Structure formats: C-alpha cells, structure tokens
Amino acid sequence: MSYALTRYTGNNSTTTYTIGFAYRDKADLIVKVAGVTKSLTTDYTIPAGGTQIQFNSPPAQGAAILIQRSTSQTSRLVDYAAGAVFKESDLDTDSIQGFNMAQEAIDIANDSIAKDANNLFD
C-alpha cells in the first residue's frame, strides 16, 4: 500500500484519475506522464473536492502516470515564537508536515530495489 503515490496507465481516452492519498496543498502534488512532470492548469486541473486530477488531454496508450505528494523537507510550514499562543491549526500543520514526510519516505523505500533473503537484488 502506498501512502503518498498513485500509479495509473494511460489508455488514450481517460482524462480523470483519482488521487489516492490526502494532501495539504495543490503545490505538494507532482504529476508525471511518461516521466515528464506536468503543470497544474497547463496540463491538468483539480476539480472541486480535490480528490481527482483531470488532464486537459488524455495520456497516451500505455503511458505511465504518477500522482505523488512531495512535502517540503527544507522549509518548515510553522515557525513557533517564544511566548506566542499555540493554535490548534499551527500544531496540526506542523504535525501533518512531519507525518506526510514520513509516509513519503516509506513509499520511496518500498519503491526501491532491495535485496532478498539470498542477498540478491529483487
């Protein structure tokens, strides 16, 4: 089971695909078709509800489609200040950022080539 990525194969007719995971912001999504990163609004849209992406034109027959969440690992979404009042929304945002990064790391590890019980790459 993947936590932050969903894969499909294009069939030259389907334009709408379900995002199979939760995400915080549209900017956290990476969409690739046949290894090429696509741009929001230029290549696809996210209809109301935010659970699907809709390509402006259908991906080609056999094209690999990847929908992936990529949370910033270099900048914190919340910066706490001494003496400031803690807000639930700030705590949630901070926690979600760490939780999402952990899920993304698990997906990357599970998607990697690993050695089996005989010390051979699987």
PDB file of N, CA and C in Angstrom:
ATOM      1  N   MET A   1       0.833  -1.170   0.000  1.00  0.00           N
ATOM      2  CA  MET A   1       0.000   0.000   0.000  1.00  0.00           C
ATOM      3  C   MET A   1       0.885   1.244   0.000  1.00  0.00           C
ATOM      4  N   SER A   2       0.574   2.147  -0.877  1.00  0.00           N
ATOM      5  CA  SER A   2       1.294   3.415  -0.926  1.00  0.00           C
ATOM      6  C   SER A   2       0.557   4.464  -0.112  1.00  0.00           C
ATOM      7  N   TYR A   3       1.330   5.323   0.535  1.00  0.00           N
ATOM      8  CA  TYR A   3       0.757   6.386   1.346  1.00  0.00           C
ATOM      9  C   TYR A   3       0.666   7.705   0.600  1.00  0.00           C
ATOM     10  N   ALA A   4       1.565   7.907  -0.363  1.00  0.00           N
ATOM     11  CA  ALA A   4       1.652   9.223  -0.983  1.00  0.00           C
ATOM     12  C   ALA A   4       1.920   9.158  -2.476  1.00  0.00           C
ATOM     13  N   LEU A   5       1.582   8.049  -3.104  1.00  0.00           N
ATOM     14  CA  LEU A   5       1.713   7.977  -4.549  1.00  0.00           C
ATOM     15  C   LEU A   5       0.669   7.041  -5.123  1.00  0.00           C
ATOM     16  N   THR A   6       0.225   7.374  -6.319  1.00  0.00           N
ATOM     17  CA  THR A   6      -0.754   6.561  -7.033  1.00  0.00           C
ATOM     18  C   THR A   6      -0.274   6.428  -8.463  1.00  0.00           C
ATOM     19  N   ARG A   7      -0.358   5.211  -8.997  1.00  0.00           N
ATOM     20  CA  ARG A   7       0.097   4.959 -10.365  1.00  0.00           C
ATOM     21  C   ARG A   7      -1.078   4.485 -11.229  1.00  0.00           C
ATOM     22  N   TYR A   8      -1.057   4.934 -12.455  1.00  0.00           N
ATOM     23  CA  TYR A   8      -2.026   4.505 -13.453  1.00  0.00           C
ATOM     24  C   TYR A   8      -1.305   4.303 -14.773  1.00  0.00           C
ATOM     25  N   THR A   9      -2.013   3.713 -15.740  1.00  0.00           N
ATOM     26  CA  THR A   9      -1.504   3.587 -17.097  1.00  0.00           C
ATOM     27  C   THR A   9      -2.510   4.247 -18.030  1.00  0.00           C
ATOM     28  N   GLY A  10      -2.034   5.134 -18.883  1.00  0.00           N
ATOM     29  CA  GLY A  10      -2.899   5.835 -19.811  1.00  0.00           C
ATOM     30  C   GLY A  10      -3.505   4.897 -20.839  1.00  0.00           C
ATOM     31  N   ASN A  11      -4.682   5.277 -21.348  1.00  0.00           N
ATOM     32  CA  ASN A  11      -5.348   4.461 -22.361  1.00  0.00           C
ATOM     33  C   ASN A  11      -5.818   5.289 -23.557  1.00  0.00           C
ATOM     34  N   ASN A  12      -5.324   6.518 -23.662  1.00  0.00           N
ATOM     35  CA  ASN A  12      -5.641   7.428 -24.755  1.00  0.00           C
ATOM     36  C   ASN A  12      -7.100   7.892 -24.769  1.00  0.00           C
ATOM     37  N   SER A  13      -7.837   7.639 -23.664  1.00  0.00           N
ATOM     38  CA  SER A  13      -9.213   8.147 -23.617  1.00  0.00           C
ATOM     39  C   SER A  13      -9.599   8.689 -22.239  1.00  0.00           C
ATOM     40  N   THR A  14      -9.080   8.113 -21.169  1.00  0.00           N
ATOM     41  CA  THR A  14      -9.423   8.559 -19.822  1.00  0.00           C
ATOM     42  C   THR A  14      -8.667   9.839 -19.482  1.00  0.00           C
ATOM     43  N   THR A  15      -9.383  10.818 -18.954  1.00  0.00           N
ATOM     44  CA  THR A  15      -8.743  12.076 -18.568  1.00  0.00           C
ATOM     45  C   THR A  15      -8.794  12.325 -17.066  1.00  0.00           C
ATOM     46  N   THR A  16      -9.650  11.609 -16.334  1.00  0.00           N
ATOM     47  CA  THR A  16      -9.819  11.850 -14.900  1.00  0.00           C
ATOM     48  C   THR A  16      -9.285  10.675 -14.101  1.00  0.00           C
ATOM     49  N   TYR A  17      -8.430  10.971 -13.130  1.00  0.00           N
ATOM     50  CA  TYR A  17      -7.812   9.952 -12.291  1.00  0.00           C
ATOM     51  C   TYR A  17      -7.928  10.366 -10.828  1.00  0.00           C
ATOM     52  N   THR A  18      -8.164   9.392  -9.964  1.00  0.00           N
ATOM     53  CA  THR A  18      -8.326   9.645  -8.536  1.00  0.00           C
ATOM     54  C   THR A  18      -6.972   9.802  -7.859  1.00  0.00           C
ATOM     55  N   ILE A  19      -6.879  10.791  -6.993  1.00  0.00           N
ATOM     56  CA  ILE A  19      -5.700  10.974  -6.147  1.00  0.00           C
ATOM     57  C   ILE A  19      -5.919  10.062  -4.942  1.00  0.00           C
ATOM     58  N   GLY A  20      -5.086   9.076  -4.761  1.00  0.00           N
ATOM     59  CA  GLY A  20      -5.326   8.039  -3.761  1.00  0.00           C
ATOM     60  C   GLY A  20      -4.758   8.313  -2.383  1.00  0.00           C
ATOM     61  N   PHE A  21      -4.567   9.568  -2.035  1.00  0.00           N
ATOM     62  CA  PHE A  21      -3.984   9.916  -0.741  1.00  0.00           C
ATOM     63  C   PHE A  21      -4.395  11.334  -0.374  1.00  0.00           C
ATOM     64  N   ALA A  22      -4.208  11.680   0.891  1.00  0.00           N
ATOM     65  CA  ALA A  22      -4.501  13.039   1.355  1.00  0.00           C
ATOM     66  C   ALA A  22      -3.295  13.936   1.073  1.00  0.00           C
ATOM     67  N   TYR A  23      -3.571  15.201   0.841  1.00  0.00           N
ATOM     68  CA  TYR A  23      -2.500  16.181   0.646  1.00  0.00           C
ATOM     69  C   TYR A  23      -2.943  17.504   1.250  1.00  0.00           C
ATOM     70  N   ARG A  24      -1.985  18.320   1.622  1.00  0.00           N
ATOM     71  CA  ARG A  24      -2.251  19.579   2.302  1.00  0.00           C
ATOM     72  C   ARG A  24      -2.569  20.701   1.336  1.00  0.00           C
ATOM     73  N   ASP A  25      -1.836  20.757   0.228  1.00  0.00           N
ATOM     74  CA  ASP A  25      -1.951  21.860  -0.714  1.00  0.00           C
ATOM     75  C   ASP A  25      -1.683  21.343  -2.123  1.00  0.00           C
ATOM     76  N   LYS A  26      -2.320  21.932  -3.120  1.00  0.00           N
ATOM     77  CA  LYS A  26      -2.108  21.521  -4.517  1.00  0.00           C
ATOM     78  C   LYS A  26      -0.637  21.607  -4.911  1.00  0.00           C
ATOM     79  N   ALA A  27       0.091  22.543  -4.319  1.00  0.00           N
ATOM     80  CA  ALA A  27       1.513  22.702  -4.632  1.00  0.00           C
ATOM     81  C   ALA A  27       2.347  21.507  -4.179  1.00  0.00           C
ATOM     82  N   ASP A  28       1.793  20.681  -3.296  1.00  0.00           N
ATOM     83  CA  ASP A  28       2.501  19.490  -2.816  1.00  0.00           C
ATOM     84  C   ASP A  28       2.383  18.309  -3.771  1.00  0.00           C
ATOM     85  N   LEU A  29       1.588  18.444  -4.829  1.00  0.00           N
ATOM     86  CA  LEU A  29       1.388  17.344  -5.775  1.00  0.00           C
ATOM     87  C   LEU A  29       2.380  17.413  -6.930  1.00  0.00           C
ATOM     88  N   ILE A  30       2.866  16.250  -7.306  1.00  0.00           N
ATOM     89  CA  ILE A  30       3.690  16.101  -8.505  1.00  0.00           C
ATOM     90  C   ILE A  30       2.929  15.137  -9.406  1.00  0.00           C
ATOM     91  N   VAL A  31       2.729  15.535 -10.646  1.00  0.00           N
ATOM     92  CA  VAL A  31       2.030  14.691 -11.615  1.00  0.00           C
ATOM     93  C   VAL A  31       2.971  14.488 -12.797  1.00  0.00           C
ATOM     94  N   LYS A  32       3.227  13.215 -13.115  1.00  0.00           N
ATOM     95  CA  LYS A  32       4.104  12.895 -14.242  1.00  0.00           C
ATOM     96  C   LYS A  32       3.383  11.947 -15.190  1.00  0.00           C
ATOM     97  N   VAL A  33       3.621  12.137 -16.478  1.00  0.00           N
ATOM     98  CA  VAL A  33       3.132  11.228 -17.508  1.00  0.00           C
ATOM     99  C   VAL A  33       4.340  10.836 -18.349  1.00  0.00           C
ATOM    100  N   ALA A  34       4.586   9.547 -18.426  1.00  0.00           N
ATOM    101  CA  ALA A  34       5.737   9.020 -19.167  1.00  0.00           C
ATOM    102  C   ALA A  34       7.032   9.686 -18.701  1.00  0.00           C
ATOM    103  N   GLY A  35       7.133   9.936 -17.389  1.00  0.00           N
ATOM    104  CA  GLY A  35       8.336  10.509 -16.801  1.00  0.00           C
ATOM    105  C   GLY A  35       8.466  12.015 -16.914  1.00  0.00           C
ATOM    106  N   VAL A  36       7.507  12.669 -17.567  1.00  0.00           N
ATOM    107  CA  VAL A  36       7.555  14.117 -17.756  1.00  0.00           C
ATOM    108  C   VAL A  36       6.627  14.790 -16.747  1.00  0.00           C
ATOM    109  N   THR A  37       7.167  15.718 -15.965  1.00  0.00           N
ATOM    110  CA  THR A  37       6.374  16.428 -14.968  1.00  0.00           C
ATOM    111  C   THR A  37       5.397  17.359 -15.659  1.00  0.00           C
ATOM    112  N   LYS A  38       4.137  17.286 -15.241  1.00  0.00           N
ATOM    113  CA  LYS A  38       3.066  18.100 -15.806  1.00  0.00           C
ATOM    114  C   LYS A  38       2.768  19.281 -14.888  1.00  0.00           C
ATOM    115  N   SER A  39       2.200  20.336 -15.458  1.00  0.00           N
ATOM    116  CA  SER A  39       1.921  21.559 -14.708  1.00  0.00           C
ATOM    117  C   SER A  39       0.428  21.726 -14.462  1.00  0.00           C
ATOM    118  N   LEU A  40       0.116  22.149 -13.235  1.00  0.00           N
ATOM    119  CA  LEU A  40      -1.263  22.457 -12.878  1.00  0.00           C
ATOM    120  C   LEU A  40      -1.753  23.594 -13.763  1.00  0.00           C
ATOM    121  N   THR A  41      -2.948  23.502 -14.237  1.00  0.00           N
ATOM    122  CA  THR A  41      -3.668  24.398 -15.161  1.00  0.00           C
ATOM    123  C   THR A  41      -3.180  24.254 -16.602  1.00  0.00           C
ATOM    124  N   THR A  42      -1.895  24.162 -16.844  1.00  0.00           N
ATOM    125  CA  THR A  42      -1.406  23.989 -18.217  1.00  0.00           C
ATOM    126  C   THR A  42      -1.735  22.604 -18.745  1.00  0.00           C
ATOM    127  N   ASP A  43      -1.487  21.575 -17.920  1.00  0.00           N
ATOM    128  CA  ASP A  43      -1.673  20.187 -18.361  1.00  0.00           C
ATOM    129  C   ASP A  43      -2.839  19.474 -17.681  1.00  0.00           C
ATOM    130  N   TYR A  44      -3.183  19.907 -16.477  1.00  0.00           N
ATOM    131  CA  TYR A  44      -4.272  19.257 -15.744  1.00  0.00           C
ATOM    132  C   TYR A  44      -4.887  20.251 -14.758  1.00  0.00           C
ATOM    133  N   THR A  45      -6.070  19.890 -14.274  1.00  0.00           N
ATOM    134  CA  THR A  45      -6.747  20.672 -13.246  1.00  0.00           C
ATOM    135  C   THR A  45      -7.143  19.743 -12.109  1.00  0.00           C
ATOM    136  N   ILE A  46      -7.506  20.340 -11.000  1.00  0.00           N
ATOM    137  CA  ILE A  46      -8.020  19.586  -9.860  1.00  0.00           C
ATOM    138  C   ILE A  46      -9.436  20.104  -9.611  1.00  0.00           C
ATOM    139  N   PRO A  47     -10.447  19.315 -10.015  1.00  0.00           N
ATOM    140  CA  PRO A  47     -11.835  19.753  -9.841  1.00  0.00           C
ATOM    141  C   PRO A  47     -12.206  19.944  -8.374  1.00  0.00           C
ATOM    142  N   ALA A  48     -13.328  20.609  -8.136  1.00  0.00           N
ATOM    143  CA  ALA A  48     -13.836  20.835  -6.781  1.00  0.00           C
ATOM    144  C   ALA A  48     -13.854  19.517  -6.013  1.00  0.00           C
ATOM    145  N   GLY A  49     -13.495  19.575  -4.764  1.00  0.00           N
ATOM    146  CA  GLY A  49     -13.408  18.384  -3.929  1.00  0.00           C
ATOM    147  C   GLY A  49     -11.974  17.928  -3.746  1.00  0.00           C
ATOM    148  N   GLY A  50     -11.138  18.151  -4.767  1.00  0.00           N
ATOM    149  CA  GLY A  50      -9.715  17.885  -4.661  1.00  0.00           C
ATOM    150  C   GLY A  50      -9.302  16.433  -4.591  1.00  0.00           C
ATOM    151  N   THR A  51     -10.170  15.503  -4.984  1.00  0.00           N
ATOM    152  CA  THR A  51      -9.820  14.083  -4.895  1.00  0.00           C
ATOM    153  C   THR A  51      -9.426  13.478  -6.235  1.00  0.00           C
ATOM    154  N   GLN A  52      -9.466  14.290  -7.293  1.00  0.00           N
ATOM    155  CA  GLN A  52      -9.125  13.804  -8.628  1.00  0.00           C
ATOM    156  C   GLN A  52      -8.303  14.845  -9.375  1.00  0.00           C
ATOM    157  N   ILE A  53      -7.573  14.354 -10.379  1.00  0.00           N
ATOM    158  CA  ILE A  53      -6.958  15.267 -11.327  1.00  0.00           C
ATOM    159  C   ILE A  53      -7.609  15.001 -12.672  1.00  0.00           C
ATOM    160  N   GLN A  54      -7.699  16.041 -13.475  1.00  0.00           N
ATOM    161  CA  GLN A  54      -8.296  15.903 -14.793  1.00  0.00           C
ATOM    162  C   GLN A  54      -7.333  16.486 -15.810  1.00  0.00           C
ATOM    163  N   PHE A  55      -6.806  15.604 -16.671  1.00  0.00           N
ATOM    164  CA  PHE A  55      -5.879  16.046 -17.707  1.00  0.00           C
ATOM    165  C   PHE A  55      -6.643  16.804 -18.783  1.00  0.00           C
ATOM    166  N   ASN A  56      -6.004  17.812 -19.359  1.00  0.00           N
ATOM    167  CA  ASN A  56      -6.612  18.574 -20.447  1.00  0.00           C
ATOM    168  C   ASN A  56      -6.739  17.733 -21.705  1.00  0.00           C
ATOM    169  N   SER A  57      -5.821  16.781 -21.882  1.00  0.00           N
ATOM    170  CA  SER A  57      -5.927  15.793 -22.961  1.00  0.00           C
ATOM    171  C   SER A  57      -5.509  14.450 -22.374  1.00  0.00           C
ATOM    172  N   PRO A  58      -6.117  13.361 -22.835  1.00  0.00           N
ATOM    173  CA  PRO A  58      -5.841  12.060 -22.222  1.00  0.00           C
ATOM    174  C   PRO A  58      -4.407  11.593 -22.442  1.00  0.00           C
ATOM    175  N   PRO A  59      -3.809  11.009 -21.416  1.00  0.00           N
ATOM    176  CA  PRO A  59      -2.467  10.429 -21.590  1.00  0.00           C
ATOM    177  C   PRO A  59      -2.499   9.297 -22.626  1.00  0.00           C
ATOM    178  N   ALA A  60      -1.408   9.139 -23.337  1.00  0.00           N
ATOM    179  CA  ALA A  60      -1.307   8.161 -24.417  1.00  0.00           C
ATOM    180  C   ALA A  60      -1.475   6.727 -23.916  1.00  0.00           C
ATOM    181  N   GLN A  61      -1.832   5.867 -24.810  1.00  0.00           N
ATOM    182  CA  GLN A  61      -1.962   4.437 -24.524  1.00  0.00           C
ATOM    183  C   GLN A  61      -0.638   3.918 -23.956  1.00  0.00           C
ATOM    184  N   GLY A  62      -0.696   3.291 -22.800  1.00  0.00           N
ATOM    185  CA  GLY A  62       0.483   2.702 -22.174  1.00  0.00           C
ATOM    186  C   GLY A  62       1.374   3.668 -21.415  1.00  0.00           C
ATOM    187  N   ALA A  63       1.057   4.960 -21.408  1.00  0.00           N
ATOM    188  CA  ALA A  63       1.890   5.948 -20.712  1.00  0.00           C
ATOM    189  C   ALA A  63       1.760   5.773 -19.199  1.00  0.00           C
ATOM    190  N   ALA A  64       2.880   5.732 -18.511  1.00  0.00           N
ATOM    191  CA  ALA A  64       2.886   5.618 -17.053  1.00  0.00           C
ATOM    192  C   ALA A  64       2.481   6.958 -16.450  1.00  0.00           C
ATOM    193  N   ILE A  65       1.486   6.920 -15.556  1.00  0.00           N
ATOM    194  CA  ILE A  65       1.001   8.123 -14.882  1.00  0.00           C
ATOM    195  C   ILE A  65       1.346   7.995 -13.407  1.00  0.00           C
ATOM    196  N   LEU A  66       1.989   9.001 -12.852  1.00  0.00           N
ATOM    197  CA  LEU A  66       2.349   9.018 -11.438  1.00  0.00           C
ATOM    198  C   LEU A  66       1.773  10.273 -10.806  1.00  0.00           C
ATOM    199  N   ILE A  67       0.986  10.083  -9.751  1.00  0.00           N
ATOM    200  CA  ILE A  67       0.495  11.187  -8.940  1.00  0.00           C
ATOM    201  C   ILE A  67       1.143  11.005  -7.578  1.00  0.00           C
ATOM    202  N   GLN A  68       1.907  11.994  -7.129  1.00  0.00           N
ATOM    203  CA  GLN A  68       2.720  11.841  -5.921  1.00  0.00           C
ATOM    204  C   GLN A  68       2.662  13.101  -5.069  1.00  0.00           C
ATOM    205  N   ARG A  69       2.659  12.890  -3.750  1.00  0.00           N
ATOM    206  CA  ARG A  69       2.752  14.019  -2.827  1.00  0.00           C
ATOM    207  C   ARG A  69       4.219  14.229  -2.487  1.00  0.00           C
ATOM    208  N   SER A  70       4.646  15.477  -2.451  1.00  0.00           N
ATOM    209  CA  SER A  70       6.018  15.809  -2.089  1.00  0.00           C
ATOM    210  C   SER A  70       6.003  17.005  -1.146  1.00  0.00           C
ATOM    211  N   THR A  71       6.083  16.719   0.138  1.00  0.00           N
ATOM    212  CA  THR A  71       6.059  17.745   1.172  1.00  0.00           C
ATOM    213  C   THR A  71       7.444  18.355   1.319  1.00  0.00           C
ATOM    214  N   SER A  72       7.511  19.651   1.502  1.00  0.00           N
ATOM    215  CA  SER A  72       8.798  20.327   1.655  1.00  0.00           C
ATOM    216  C   SER A  72       9.577  19.741   2.831  1.00  0.00           C
ATOM    217  N   GLN A  73      10.817  19.359   2.553  1.00  0.00           N
ATOM    218  CA  GLN A  73      11.707  18.859   3.600  1.00  0.00           C
ATOM    219  C   GLN A  73      12.752  19.902   3.964  1.00  0.00           C
ATOM    220  N   THR A  74      12.715  21.033   3.302  1.00  0.00           N
ATOM    221  CA  THR A  74      13.725  22.058   3.549  1.00  0.00           C
ATOM    222  C   THR A  74      13.193  23.283   4.274  1.00  0.00           C
ATOM    223  N   SER A  75      11.896  23.473   4.242  1.00  0.00           N
ATOM    224  CA  SER A  75      11.350  24.629   4.958  1.00  0.00           C
ATOM    225  C   SER A  75      10.175  24.206   5.822  1.00  0.00           C
ATOM    226  N   ARG A  76      10.164  24.715   7.026  1.00  0.00           N
ATOM    227  CA  ARG A  76       9.090  24.405   7.962  1.00  0.00           C
ATOM    228  C   ARG A  76       7.877  25.238   7.623  1.00  0.00           C
ATOM    229  N   LEU A  77       6.714  24.625   7.747  1.00  0.00           N
ATOM    230  CA  LEU A  77       5.464  25.328   7.475  1.00  0.00           C
ATOM    231  C   LEU A  77       5.030  26.191   8.646  1.00  0.00           C
ATOM    232  N   VAL A  78       5.527  25.858   9.836  1.00  0.00           N
ATOM    233  CA  VAL A  78       5.184  26.611  11.038  1.00  0.00           C
ATOM    234  C   VAL A  78       6.478  26.964  11.757  1.00  0.00           C
ATOM    235  N   ASP A  79       6.586  28.220  12.185  1.00  0.00           N
ATOM    236  CA  ASP A  79       7.733  28.676  12.962  1.00  0.00           C
ATOM    237  C   ASP A  79       7.194  29.217  14.283  1.00  0.00           C
ATOM    238  N   TYR A  80       7.413  28.480  15.344  1.00  0.00           N
ATOM    239  CA  TYR A  80       6.908  28.894  16.651  1.00  0.00           C
ATOM    240  C   TYR A  80       7.769  30.017  17.226  1.00  0.00           C
ATOM    241  N   ALA A  81       7.133  30.922  17.932  1.00  0.00           N
ATOM    242  CA  ALA A  81       7.843  32.031  18.569  1.00  0.00           C
ATOM    243  C   ALA A  81       7.660  31.935  20.080  1.00  0.00           C
ATOM    244  N   ALA A  82       8.704  32.258  20.814  1.00  0.00           N
ATOM    245  CA  ALA A  82       8.634  32.241  22.273  1.00  0.00           C
ATOM    246  C   ALA A  82       7.529  33.169  22.755  1.00  0.00           C
ATOM    247  N   GLY A  83       6.731  32.690  23.671  1.00  0.00           N
ATOM    248  CA  GLY A  83       5.674  33.495  24.255  1.00  0.00           C
ATOM    249  C   GLY A  83       4.414  33.588  23.406  1.00  0.00           C
ATOM    250  N   ALA A  84       4.431  32.979  22.227  1.00  0.00           N
ATOM    251  CA  ALA A  84       3.258  33.035  21.352  1.00  0.00           C
ATOM    252  C   ALA A  84       2.194  32.061  21.839  1.00  0.00           C
ATOM    253  N   VAL A  85       0.970  32.322  21.473  1.00  0.00           N
ATOM    254  CA  VAL A  85      -0.145  31.438  21.812  1.00  0.00           C
ATOM    255  C   VAL A  85      -0.161  30.291  20.811  1.00  0.00           C
ATOM    256  N   PHE A  86      -0.238  29.061  21.329  1.00  0.00           N
ATOM    257  CA  PHE A  86      -0.349  27.895  20.460  1.00  0.00           C
ATOM    258  C   PHE A  86      -1.749  27.824  19.894  1.00  0.00           C
ATOM    259  N   LYS A  87      -1.846  27.666  18.577  1.00  0.00           N
ATOM    260  CA  LYS A  87      -3.139  27.487  17.937  1.00  0.00           C
ATOM    261  C   LYS A  87      -3.233  26.055  17.425  1.00  0.00           C
ATOM    262  N   GLU A  88      -4.426  25.491  17.498  1.00  0.00           N
ATOM    263  CA  GLU A  88      -4.634  24.131  17.011  1.00  0.00           C
ATOM    264  C   GLU A  88      -4.208  23.991  15.556  1.00  0.00           C
ATOM    265  N   SER A  89      -4.552  24.976  14.732  1.00  0.00           N
ATOM    266  CA  SER A  89      -4.237  24.889  13.308  1.00  0.00           C
ATOM    267  C   SER A  89      -2.716  24.845  13.071  1.00  0.00           C
ATOM    268  N   ASP A  90      -1.944  25.593  13.867  1.00  0.00           N
ATOM    269  CA  ASP A  90      -0.485  25.553  13.734  1.00  0.00           C
ATOM    270  C   ASP A  90       0.073  24.200  14.138  1.00  0.00           C
ATOM    271  N   LEU A  91      -0.439  23.659  15.235  1.00  0.00           N
ATOM    272  CA  LEU A  91       0.010  22.340  15.680  1.00  0.00           C
ATOM    273  C   LEU A  91      -0.349  21.270  14.651  1.00  0.00           C
ATOM    274  N   ASP A  92      -1.565  21.357  14.094  1.00  0.00           N
ATOM    275  CA  ASP A  92      -1.983  20.398  13.066  1.00  0.00           C
ATOM    276  C   ASP A  92      -1.089  20.496  11.835  1.00  0.00           C
ATOM    277  N   THR A  93      -0.829  21.707  11.365  1.00  0.00           N
ATOM    278  CA  THR A  93       0.008  21.900  10.176  1.00  0.00           C
ATOM    279  C   THR A  93       1.402  21.341  10.405  1.00  0.00           C
ATOM    280  N   ASP A  94       1.979  21.618  11.568  1.00  0.00           N
ATOM    281  CA  ASP A  94       3.310  21.121  11.886  1.00  0.00           C
ATOM    282  C   ASP A  94       3.330  19.595  11.931  1.00  0.00           C
ATOM    283  N   SER A  95       2.331  19.018  12.565  1.00  0.00           N
ATOM    284  CA  SER A  95       2.244  17.568  12.673  1.00  0.00           C
ATOM    285  C   SER A  95       2.019  16.919  11.312  1.00  0.00           C
ATOM    286  N   ILE A  96       1.160  17.512  10.512  1.00  0.00           N
ATOM    287  CA  ILE A  96       0.870  16.962   9.182  1.00  0.00           C
ATOM    288  C   ILE A  96       2.118  16.982   8.312  1.00  0.00           C
ATOM    289  N   GLN A  97       2.913  18.039   8.394  1.00  0.00           N
ATOM    290  CA  GLN A  97       4.140  18.098   7.602  1.00  0.00           C
ATOM    291  C   GLN A  97       5.064  16.927   7.954  1.00  0.00           C
ATOM    292  N   GLY A  98       5.301  16.692   9.232  1.00  0.00           N
ATOM    293  CA  GLY A  98       6.156  15.580   9.655  1.00  0.00           C
ATOM    294  C   GLY A  98       5.570  14.227   9.281  1.00  0.00           C
ATOM    295  N   PHE A  99       4.260  14.071   9.473  1.00  0.00           N
ATOM    296  CA  PHE A  99       3.573  12.823   9.146  1.00  0.00           C
ATOM    297  C   PHE A  99       3.665  12.541   7.645  1.00  0.00           C
ATOM    298  N   ASN A 100       3.417  13.557   6.819  1.00  0.00           N
ATOM    299  CA  ASN A 100       3.491  13.373   5.372  1.00  0.00           C
ATOM    300  C   ASN A 100       4.892  13.009   4.913  1.00  0.00           C
ATOM    301  N   MET A 101       5.912  13.666   5.486  1.00  0.00           N
ATOM    302  CA  MET A 101       7.292  13.340   5.109  1.00  0.00           C
ATOM    303  C   MET A 101       7.620  11.893   5.463  1.00  0.00           C
ATOM    304  N   ALA A 102       7.143  11.417   6.605  1.00  0.00           N
ATOM    305  CA  ALA A 102       7.385  10.025   6.998  1.00  0.00           C
ATOM    306  C   ALA A 102       6.723   9.067   6.008  1.00  0.00           C
ATOM    307  N   GLN A 103       5.489   9.344   5.632  1.00  0.00           N
ATOM    308  CA  GLN A 103       4.793   8.488   4.669  1.00  0.00           C
ATOM    309  C   GLN A 103       5.511   8.485   3.318  1.00  0.00           C
ATOM    310  N   GLU A 104       5.957   9.652   2.873  1.00  0.00           N
ATOM    311  CA  GLU A 104       6.661   9.741   1.600  1.00  0.00           C
ATOM    312  C   GLU A 104       7.969   8.954   1.638  1.00  0.00           C
ATOM    313  N   ALA A 105       8.674   8.985   2.765  1.00  0.00           N
ATOM    314  CA  ALA A 105       9.919   8.224   2.907  1.00  0.00           C
ATOM    315  C   ALA A 105       9.638   6.723   2.856  1.00  0.00           C
ATOM    316  N   ILE A 106       8.551   6.283   3.474  1.00  0.00           N
ATOM    317  CA  ILE A 106       8.172   4.862   3.429  1.00  0.00           C
ATOM    318  C   ILE A 106       7.897   4.452   1.986  1.00  0.00           C
ATOM    319  N   ASP A 107       7.169   5.284   1.226  1.00  0.00           N
ATOM    320  CA  ASP A 107       6.887   4.969  -0.177  1.00  0.00           C
ATOM    321  C   ASP A 107       8.165   4.875  -0.996  1.00  0.00           C
ATOM    322  N   ILE A 108       9.080   5.796  -0.790  1.00  0.00           N
ATOM    323  CA  ILE A 108      10.340   5.766  -1.531  1.00  0.00           C
ATOM    324  C   ILE A 108      11.110   4.487  -1.204  1.00  0.00           C
ATOM    325  N   ALA A 109      11.169   4.120   0.073  1.00  0.00           N
ATOM    326  CA  ALA A 109      11.871   2.891   0.472  1.00  0.00           C
ATOM    327  C   ALA A 109      11.204   1.662  -0.125  1.00  0.00           C
ATOM    328  N   ASN A 110       9.881   1.620  -0.095  1.00  0.00           N
ATOM    329  CA  ASN A 110       9.162   0.454  -0.628  1.00  0.00           C
ATOM    330  C   ASN A 110       9.226   0.376  -2.145  1.00  0.00           C
ATOM    331  N   ASP A 111       9.484   1.493  -2.797  1.00  0.00           N
ATOM    332  CA  ASP A 111       9.535   1.542  -4.258  1.00  0.00           C
ATOM    333  C   ASP A 111      10.950   1.292  -4.781  1.00  0.00           C
ATOM    334  N   SER A 112      11.896   1.060  -3.879  1.00  0.00           N
ATOM    335  CA  SER A 112      13.293   0.877  -4.257  1.00  0.00           C
ATOM    336  C   SER A 112      13.625  -0.592  -4.470  1.00  0.00           C
ATOM    337  N   ILE A 113      14.709  -0.805  -5.176  1.00  0.00           N
ATOM    338  CA  ILE A 113      15.215  -2.162  -5.354  1.00  0.00           C
ATOM    339  C   ILE A 113      15.846  -2.597  -4.030  1.00  0.00           C
ATOM    340  N   ALA A 114      15.513  -3.794  -3.589  1.00  0.00           N
ATOM    341  CA  ALA A 114      16.033  -4.297  -2.317  1.00  0.00           C
ATOM    342  C   ALA A 114      16.594  -5.703  -2.509  1.00  0.00           C
ATOM    343  N   LYS A 115      17.388  -6.128  -1.553  1.00  0.00           N
ATOM    344  CA  LYS A 115      17.936  -7.487  -1.595  1.00  0.00           C
ATOM    345  C   LYS A 115      16.975  -8.447  -0.907  1.00  0.00           C
ATOM    346  N   ASP A 116      16.903  -9.663  -1.455  1.00  0.00           N
ATOM    347  CA  ASP A 116      16.033 -10.692  -0.877  1.00  0.00           C
ATOM    348  C   ASP A 116      16.796 -11.499   0.170  1.00  0.00           C
ATOM    349  N   ALA A 117      16.209 -12.597   0.641  1.00  0.00           N
ATOM    350  CA  ALA A 117      16.817 -13.429   1.698  1.00  0.00           C
ATOM    351  C   ALA A 117      18.132 -14.050   1.263  1.00  0.00           C
ATOM    352  N   ASN A 118      18.366 -14.176  -0.048  1.00  0.00           N
ATOM    353  CA  ASN A 118      19.607 -14.742  -0.570  1.00  0.00           C
ATOM    354  C   ASN A 118      20.637 -13.668  -0.917  1.00  0.00           C
ATOM    355  N   ASN A 119      20.406 -12.445  -0.444  1.00  0.00           N
ATOM    356  CA  ASN A 119      21.291 -11.315  -0.684  1.00  0.00           C
ATOM    357  C   ASN A 119      21.396 -10.939  -2.160  1.00  0.00           C
ATOM    358  N   LEU A 120      20.328 -11.227  -2.924  1.00  0.00           N
ATOM    359  CA  LEU A 120      20.266 -10.889  -4.334  1.00  0.00           C
ATOM    360  C   LEU A 120      19.246  -9.769  -4.520  1.00  0.00           C
ATOM    361  N   PHE A 121      19.525  -8.894  -5.475  1.00  0.00           N
ATOM    362  CA  PHE A 121      18.571  -7.816  -5.725  1.00  0.00           C
ATOM    363  C   PHE A 121      17.286  -8.366  -6.303  1.00  0.00           C
ATOM    364  N   ASP A 122      16.190  -7.911  -5.767  1.00  0.00           N
ATOM    365  CA  ASP A 122      14.867  -8.374  -6.205  1.00  0.00           C
ATOM    366  C   ASP A 122      14.261  -7.324  -7.125  1.00  0.00           C
TER     367      ASP A 122
END
